[in-house]
Amino acid sequence: MSAKPCLALVVVLLVAGCGSSSPPAAATAKPSADNARPQAERRETVFDPWIGTIDRAKGVQGTVDEQAAEQRRKIEEASR
């Protein structure tokens, strides 16, 4: 057997081995009021500083948008 078909076979077997024929039991179980558990606490990750930066940037963008809308309103009133 040559190298290319062997390599292709190995890749196919690796990909097939990673898949699952049925979803995990936890994913298929429907939550009910009896077995409802509180969500686990969120753990800190290495991405938290970046997420915080994004949240602050969104807040600043909201402020800028509000100020721009106010400025446009004032310009419209002055041009009448």
Protein backbone atom coordinates (compact mmCIF):
# COMPACT_ATOMS: atom_id res chain seq x y z
CA MET A 1 0.00 0.00 0.00
CA SER A 2 1.38 3.42 -0.89
CA ALA A 3 1.79 6.29 1.56
CA LYS A 4 -1.09 8.50 0.36
CA PRO A 5 -3.91 5.95 0.78
CA CYS A 6 -2.44 4.91 4.13
CA LEU A 7 -2.37 8.49 5.32
CA ALA A 8 -5.92 9.07 4.11
CA LEU A 9 -7.09 5.95 5.94
CA VAL A 10 -5.39 7.05 9.16
CA VAL A 11 -6.98 10.51 8.95
CA VAL A 12 -10.44 9.03 8.33
CA LEU A 13 -10.06 6.65 11.27
CA LEU A 14 -8.90 9.45 13.57
CA VAL A 15 -11.83 11.67 12.62
CA ALA A 16 -14.29 8.78 12.97
CA GLY A 17 -12.85 7.94 16.39
CA CYS A 18 -13.42 11.48 17.61
CA GLY A 19 -17.12 11.44 16.77
CA SER A 20 -19.95 10.01 18.81
CA SER A 21 -22.92 8.08 17.49
CA SER A 22 -25.24 9.31 20.24
CA PRO A 23 -25.31 12.50 22.28
CA PRO A 24 -24.11 12.35 25.88
CA ALA A 25 -26.74 11.48 28.48
CA ALA A 26 -26.49 14.90 30.14
CA ALA A 27 -27.32 16.64 26.86
CA THR A 28 -30.42 14.50 26.20
CA ALA A 29 -31.85 14.62 29.71
CA LYS A 30 -34.57 17.20 30.07
CA PRO A 31 -34.22 19.34 33.20
CA SER A 32 -37.12 19.12 35.58
CA ALA A 33 -37.97 21.07 38.69
CA ASP A 34 -37.05 18.07 40.86
CA ASN A 35 -33.46 17.71 39.69
CA ALA A 36 -32.79 21.38 38.96
CA ARG A 37 -29.40 22.36 40.31
CA PRO A 38 -28.07 25.87 40.68
CA GLN A 39 -25.52 26.75 38.05
CA ALA A 40 -21.93 26.24 39.09
CA GLU A 41 -20.00 29.36 39.96
CA ARG A 42 -18.18 30.90 37.04
CA ARG A 43 -14.45 30.30 37.27
CA GLU A 44 -11.95 32.95 36.33
CA THR A 45 -10.19 32.38 33.03
CA VAL A 46 -7.22 33.93 31.26
CA PHE A 47 -9.67 35.76 28.99
CA ASP A 48 -11.40 37.70 31.77
CA PRO A 49 -9.23 40.83 31.40
CA TRP A 50 -10.03 40.93 27.68
CA ILE A 51 -13.74 40.41 28.30
CA GLY A 52 -13.68 43.24 30.83
CA THR A 53 -11.96 45.46 28.30
CA ILE A 54 -14.60 44.66 25.70
CA ASP A 55 -17.39 45.44 28.18
CA ARG A 56 -15.81 48.79 29.05
CA ALA A 57 -15.40 49.60 25.36
CA LYS A 58 -19.08 48.83 24.75
CA GLY A 59 -20.00 51.16 27.61
CA VAL A 60 -17.86 53.94 26.16
CA GLN A 61 -19.38 53.37 22.72
CA GLY A 62 -22.86 53.72 24.21
CA THR A 63 -21.88 57.02 25.80
CA VAL A 64 -20.40 58.29 22.54
CA ASP A 65 -23.54 57.26 20.64
CA GLU A 66 -25.76 59.09 23.13
CA GLN A 67 -23.66 62.25 22.87
CA ALA A 68 -23.69 62.06 19.07
CA ALA A 69 -27.48 61.70 19.03
CA GLU A 70 -27.80 64.69 21.36
CA GLN A 71 -25.47 66.76 19.15
CA ARG A 72 -27.47 65.82 16.03
CA ARG A 73 -30.69 66.83 17.80
CA LYS A 74 -29.19 70.21 18.72
CA ILE A 75 -27.98 70.77 15.15
CA GLU A 76 -31.43 69.91 13.79
CA GLU A 77 -33.08 72.37 16.20
CA ALA A 78 -30.61 75.12 15.31
CA SER A 79 -31.11 74.65 11.55
CA ARG A 80 -34.91 75.15 11.79
